[in-house]
């Protein structure tokens, strides 16, 4: 029985570098409308208003200063 060829790290790295990144253009075109609506609702649930983020950051910074 012949020995199996060994893949080297360089071969794997070269193979990965030659692959093209997935195309994102039009990736949502085939998604059903009801699913797009559900995605939009989830985005709303996880969106934090800018003012709230500023408040969170200020509080975080003040807690870090107290720790010194």
N, C-alpha and C. Protein backbone atom coordinates (compact mmCIF):
# COMPACT_ATOMS: atom_id res chain seq x y z
N UNK A 1 0.84 -1.17 0.00
CA UNK A 1 0.00 0.00 0.00
C UNK A 1 0.89 1.25 0.00
N UNK A 2 0.60 2.18 -0.90
CA UNK A 2 1.42 3.39 -1.03
C UNK A 2 1.05 4.37 0.09
N UNK A 3 2.05 5.11 0.60
CA UNK A 3 1.76 6.09 1.65
C UNK A 3 0.89 7.23 1.10
N UNK A 4 0.03 7.73 1.95
CA UNK A 4 -0.82 8.84 1.56
C UNK A 4 -0.01 10.13 1.51
N UNK A 5 -0.28 11.00 0.54
CA UNK A 5 0.43 12.28 0.50
C UNK A 5 0.02 13.14 1.70
N UNK A 6 0.97 13.90 2.18
CA UNK A 6 0.73 14.76 3.34
C UNK A 6 0.49 16.18 2.87
N UNK A 7 -0.60 16.78 3.33
CA UNK A 7 -0.85 18.19 3.00
C UNK A 7 0.00 19.06 3.91
N UNK A 8 0.66 20.01 3.32
CA UNK A 8 1.46 20.91 4.12
C UNK A 8 0.66 22.16 4.45
N UNK A 9 1.12 22.88 5.45
CA UNK A 9 0.47 24.12 5.83
C UNK A 9 0.49 25.10 4.67
N UNK A 10 1.60 25.15 3.93
CA UNK A 10 1.71 26.08 2.80
C UNK A 10 0.65 25.77 1.74
N UNK A 11 0.40 24.49 1.49
CA UNK A 11 -0.61 24.11 0.51
C UNK A 11 -2.00 24.57 0.95
N UNK A 12 -2.30 24.36 2.23
CA UNK A 12 -3.61 24.76 2.75
C UNK A 12 -3.74 26.27 2.70
N UNK A 13 -2.69 26.99 3.12
CA UNK A 13 -2.73 28.45 3.11
C UNK A 13 -2.93 28.97 1.68
N UNK A 14 -2.22 28.40 0.73
CA UNK A 14 -2.33 28.82 -0.66
C UNK A 14 -3.74 28.55 -1.18
N UNK A 15 -4.29 27.41 -0.83
CA UNK A 15 -5.64 27.06 -1.26
C UNK A 15 -6.65 28.06 -0.71
N UNK A 16 -6.52 28.43 0.56
CA UNK A 16 -7.45 29.38 1.17
C UNK A 16 -7.31 30.77 0.56
N UNK A 17 -6.08 31.17 0.23
CA UNK A 17 -5.86 32.48 -0.34
C UNK A 17 -6.41 32.59 -1.76
N UNK A 18 -6.47 31.48 -2.47
CA UNK A 18 -6.95 31.50 -3.84
C UNK A 18 -8.47 31.56 -3.93
N UNK A 19 -9.15 31.23 -2.86
CA UNK A 19 -10.61 31.26 -2.87
C UNK A 19 -11.10 32.70 -2.87
N UNK A 20 -12.15 32.93 -3.63
CA UNK A 20 -12.75 34.26 -3.66
C UNK A 20 -13.74 34.38 -2.51
N UNK A 21 -13.87 35.57 -1.92
CA UNK A 21 -14.87 35.74 -0.86
C UNK A 21 -16.26 35.58 -1.44
N UNK A 22 -17.22 35.16 -0.63
CA UNK A 22 -18.58 35.00 -1.15
C UNK A 22 -19.16 36.33 -1.60
N UNK A 23 -19.91 36.31 -2.66
CA UNK A 23 -20.52 37.52 -3.18
C UNK A 23 -21.72 37.90 -2.32
N UNK A 24 -21.78 39.13 -1.91
CA UNK A 24 -22.89 39.59 -1.07
C UNK A 24 -23.95 40.29 -1.92
N UNK A 25 -23.63 40.63 -3.16
CA UNK A 25 -24.54 41.38 -4.00
C UNK A 25 -25.80 40.55 -4.27
N UNK A 26 -26.94 41.11 -3.92
CA UNK A 26 -28.21 40.45 -4.18
C UNK A 26 -28.47 39.24 -3.30
N UNK A 27 -27.75 39.11 -2.20
CA UNK A 27 -27.88 37.92 -1.38
C UNK A 27 -29.25 37.81 -0.70
N UNK A 28 -29.95 38.91 -0.54
CA UNK A 28 -31.26 38.89 0.10
C UNK A 28 -32.39 38.85 -0.93
N UNK A 29 -32.05 38.82 -2.20
CA UNK A 29 -33.07 38.89 -3.25
C UNK A 29 -34.01 37.69 -3.23
N UNK A 30 -33.53 36.55 -2.82
CA UNK A 30 -34.35 35.35 -2.85
C UNK A 30 -35.05 35.04 -1.53
N UNK A 31 -34.87 35.91 -0.55
CA UNK A 31 -35.48 35.69 0.77
C UNK A 31 -36.96 36.06 0.69
N UNK A 32 -37.83 35.19 1.17
CA UNK A 32 -39.28 35.50 1.14
C UNK A 32 -39.61 36.77 1.92
N UNK A 33 -40.65 37.47 1.46
CA UNK A 33 -41.03 38.75 2.06
C UNK A 33 -41.35 38.63 3.54
N UNK A 34 -42.07 37.57 3.93
CA UNK A 34 -42.43 37.43 5.35
C UNK A 34 -41.19 37.23 6.22
N UNK A 35 -40.19 36.56 5.69
CA UNK A 35 -38.95 36.38 6.45
C UNK A 35 -38.19 37.70 6.55
N UNK A 36 -38.20 38.49 5.49
CA UNK A 36 -37.56 39.82 5.54
C UNK A 36 -38.23 40.69 6.60
N UNK A 37 -39.54 40.58 6.71
CA UNK A 37 -40.26 41.36 7.73
C UNK A 37 -39.87 40.91 9.14
N UNK A 38 -39.72 39.62 9.33
CA UNK A 38 -39.29 39.10 10.63
C UNK A 38 -37.88 39.54 10.96
N UNK A 39 -37.01 39.55 9.96
CA UNK A 39 -35.63 40.02 10.16
C UNK A 39 -35.64 41.49 10.57
N UNK A 40 -36.46 42.29 9.91
CA UNK A 40 -36.56 43.72 10.25
C UNK A 40 -37.03 43.91 11.69
N UNK A 41 -37.98 43.09 12.13
CA UNK A 41 -38.46 43.17 13.51
C UNK A 41 -37.35 42.82 14.51
N UNK A 42 -36.57 41.80 14.19
CA UNK A 42 -35.46 41.42 15.06
C UNK A 42 -34.40 42.52 15.12
N UNK A 43 -34.14 43.15 13.97
CA UNK A 43 -33.19 44.26 13.96
C UNK A 43 -33.65 45.39 14.87
N UNK A 44 -34.96 45.67 14.86
CA UNK A 44 -35.50 46.71 15.74
C UNK A 44 -35.31 46.35 17.21
N UNK A 45 -35.52 45.07 17.53
CA UNK A 45 -35.38 44.62 18.92
C UNK A 45 -33.95 44.78 19.43
N UNK A 46 -32.97 44.60 18.55
CA UNK A 46 -31.57 44.62 18.97
C UNK A 46 -30.88 45.95 18.68
N UNK A 47 -31.61 46.94 18.20
CA UNK A 47 -31.03 48.25 17.93
C UNK A 47 -31.11 49.11 19.18
N UNK A 48 -29.97 49.70 19.53
CA UNK A 48 -29.91 50.57 20.72
C UNK A 48 -29.75 52.01 20.23
N UNK A 49 -30.61 52.91 20.68
CA UNK A 49 -30.51 54.32 20.27
C UNK A 49 -29.16 54.93 20.68
N UNK A 50 -28.72 55.88 19.89
CA UNK A 50 -27.42 56.53 20.12
C UNK A 50 -27.32 57.13 21.52
N UNK A 51 -28.36 57.82 21.96
CA UNK A 51 -28.33 58.44 23.29
C UNK A 51 -28.17 57.40 24.40
N UNK A 52 -28.84 56.27 24.25
CA UNK A 52 -28.72 55.20 25.25
C UNK A 52 -27.30 54.65 25.26
N UNK A 53 -26.70 54.49 24.08
CA UNK A 53 -25.32 54.01 24.01
C UNK A 53 -24.36 54.99 24.69
N UNK A 54 -24.59 56.28 24.48
CA UNK A 54 -23.74 57.29 25.12
C UNK A 54 -23.86 57.19 26.64
N UNK A 55 -25.08 57.00 27.14
CA UNK A 55 -25.30 56.85 28.58
C UNK A 55 -24.56 55.62 29.11
N UNK A 56 -24.65 54.52 28.38
CA UNK A 56 -23.97 53.29 28.80
C UNK A 56 -22.46 53.48 28.84
N UNK A 57 -21.92 54.13 27.82
CA UNK A 57 -20.47 54.36 27.77
C UNK A 57 -20.02 55.26 28.91
N UNK A 58 -20.78 56.32 29.18
CA UNK A 58 -20.42 57.23 30.28
C UNK A 58 -20.43 56.48 31.62
N UNK A 59 -21.43 55.66 31.81
CA UNK A 59 -21.52 54.89 33.06
C UNK A 59 -20.35 53.91 33.18
N UNK A 60 -20.04 53.25 32.06
CA UNK A 60 -18.93 52.31 32.04
C UNK A 60 -17.62 53.00 32.37
N UNK A 61 -17.40 54.17 31.77
CA UNK A 61 -16.19 54.94 32.03
C UNK A 61 -16.10 55.36 33.49
N UNK A 62 -17.23 55.80 34.07
CA UNK A 62 -17.21 56.21 35.47
C UNK A 62 -16.93 55.02 36.38
N UNK A 63 -17.44 53.85 36.06
CA UNK A 63 -17.16 52.65 36.85
C UNK A 63 -15.68 52.27 36.76
N UNK A 64 -15.09 52.45 35.58
CA UNK A 64 -13.66 52.16 35.44
C UNK A 64 -12.82 53.13 36.28
N UNK A 65 -13.21 54.40 36.29
CA UNK A 65 -12.48 55.38 37.09
C UNK A 65 -12.57 55.07 38.57
N UNK A 66 -13.70 54.59 39.03
CA UNK A 66 -13.85 54.23 40.44
C UNK A 66 -12.93 53.08 40.83
N UNK A 67 -12.63 52.23 39.87
CA UNK A 67 -11.79 51.06 40.15
C UNK A 67 -10.33 51.37 40.36
N UNK A 68 -9.89 52.59 40.03
CA UNK A 68 -8.46 52.95 40.18
C UNK A 68 -8.10 53.22 41.58
